[in-house]
Protein backbone atom coordinates (compact mmCIF):
# COMPACT_ATOMS: atom_id res chain seq x y z
CA MET A 1 12.84 0.35 9.65
CA ASP A 2 11.54 3.63 10.94
CA GLY A 3 14.31 5.99 11.00
CA ALA A 4 16.75 3.81 9.13
CA SER A 5 19.06 5.69 6.72
CA ALA A 6 18.88 5.29 2.93
CA GLY A 7 22.25 3.39 3.36
CA ALA A 8 20.02 0.50 4.36
CA LEU A 9 17.98 0.87 1.12
CA TYR A 10 19.80 -1.91 -0.57
CA ALA A 11 18.70 -4.42 2.10
CA VAL A 12 15.01 -3.40 1.32
CA ILE A 13 15.26 -3.46 -2.43
CA LYS A 14 17.88 -6.28 -3.06
CA ASP A 15 15.16 -8.82 -4.09
CA LEU A 16 13.20 -6.49 -6.48
CA PRO A 17 13.50 -6.88 -10.29
CA GLU A 18 16.40 -4.68 -11.59
CA PRO A 19 14.17 -1.96 -13.12
CA ALA A 20 12.51 -1.40 -9.68
CA ARG A 21 15.86 -1.43 -7.91
CA ARG A 22 17.38 1.18 -10.31
CA ARG A 23 14.36 3.55 -10.03
CA LEU A 24 14.16 3.38 -6.24
CA ALA A 25 17.95 3.79 -5.96
CA HIS A 26 17.61 6.87 -8.13
CA VAL A 27 14.72 8.55 -6.43
CA VAL A 28 15.50 7.91 -2.81
CA ALA A 29 17.96 10.55 -1.55
CA PRO A 30 20.72 9.35 0.84
CA GLY A 31 19.67 9.96 4.44
CA THR A 32 15.93 9.67 3.63
CA PRO A 33 14.16 7.81 6.57
CA LEU A 34 12.66 4.42 5.35
CA TRP A 35 9.34 3.79 6.93
CA ARG A 36 7.68 0.46 7.45
CA THR A 37 4.07 1.53 7.33
CA ALA A 38 2.09 3.41 4.71
CA VAL A 39 -1.58 4.38 4.76
CA VAL A 40 -3.23 4.64 1.36
CA THR A 41 -6.76 6.07 0.61
CA MET A 42 -8.37 5.18 -2.79
CA ARG A 43 -11.72 5.46 -4.49
CA GLY A 44 -12.94 4.14 -7.80
CA GLN A 45 -15.21 1.37 -9.11
CA ILE A 46 -15.21 -2.35 -8.27
CA ARG A 47 -17.00 -5.16 -10.01
CA LEU A 48 -19.41 -7.03 -7.62
CA GLY A 49 -21.81 -8.34 -10.18
CA ALA A 50 -22.28 -4.87 -11.44
CA TRP A 51 -19.71 -2.01 -11.25
CA ARG A 52 -20.10 -0.08 -7.92
CA ARG A 53 -18.35 2.87 -6.48
CA PHE A 54 -16.12 2.35 -3.52
CA THR A 55 -13.79 4.04 -1.13
CA ALA A 56 -11.10 2.18 0.66
CA HIS A 57 -8.31 2.63 3.19
CA GLN A 58 -5.31 0.22 3.04
CA VAL A 59 -2.62 -0.05 5.68
CA ILE A 60 0.60 -1.62 4.33
CA THR A 61 3.29 -2.74 6.74
CA VAL A 62 6.49 -4.45 5.70
CA PRO A 63 7.09 -7.30 5.87
CA GLU A 64 3.96 -8.20 7.81
CA GLY A 65 1.36 -7.38 5.13
CA TYR A 66 -1.62 -5.32 4.73
CA ILE A 67 -5.33 -4.62 5.70
CA TRP A 68 -7.74 -3.36 2.99
CA ALA A 69 -11.00 -1.96 4.19
CA ALA A 70 -13.51 -0.78 1.65
CA THR A 71 -17.02 0.73 1.68
CA HIS A 72 -19.39 0.24 -1.26
CA ALA A 73 -23.02 1.08 -1.90
CA VAL A 74 -25.47 -1.91 -2.56
CA MET A 75 -28.89 -0.53 -3.29
CA PHE A 76 -29.49 1.98 -0.42
CA ALA A 77 -27.20 0.46 1.97
CA CYS A 78 -23.57 0.99 2.64
CA VAL A 79 -21.45 -2.13 2.97
CA ARG A 80 -18.12 -2.25 4.81
CA THR A 81 -15.65 -5.01 3.72
CA CYS A 82 -12.66 -5.73 5.72
CA PRO A 83 -10.70 -9.09 5.49
CA ALA A 84 -10.17 -11.04 8.75
CA VAL A 85 -6.91 -10.26 10.36
């Protein structure tokens, strides 16, 4: 939907719960381009037996899905986790 106008917003949000539809209709200004892909960077703790710090990058593409790639420390090594595509 790259470059689609906010007039197409209804087609994107029509199947969402009513509170989500109301909020998105309120915060997305008319004429705002709707993008299909977002890249999110995060960091925090994940429980892998014990709680471990991690950093991750997620690429989300509508409607195809997402890839989540994380790096976390195990002892003195760095482990990279990325699901098979």
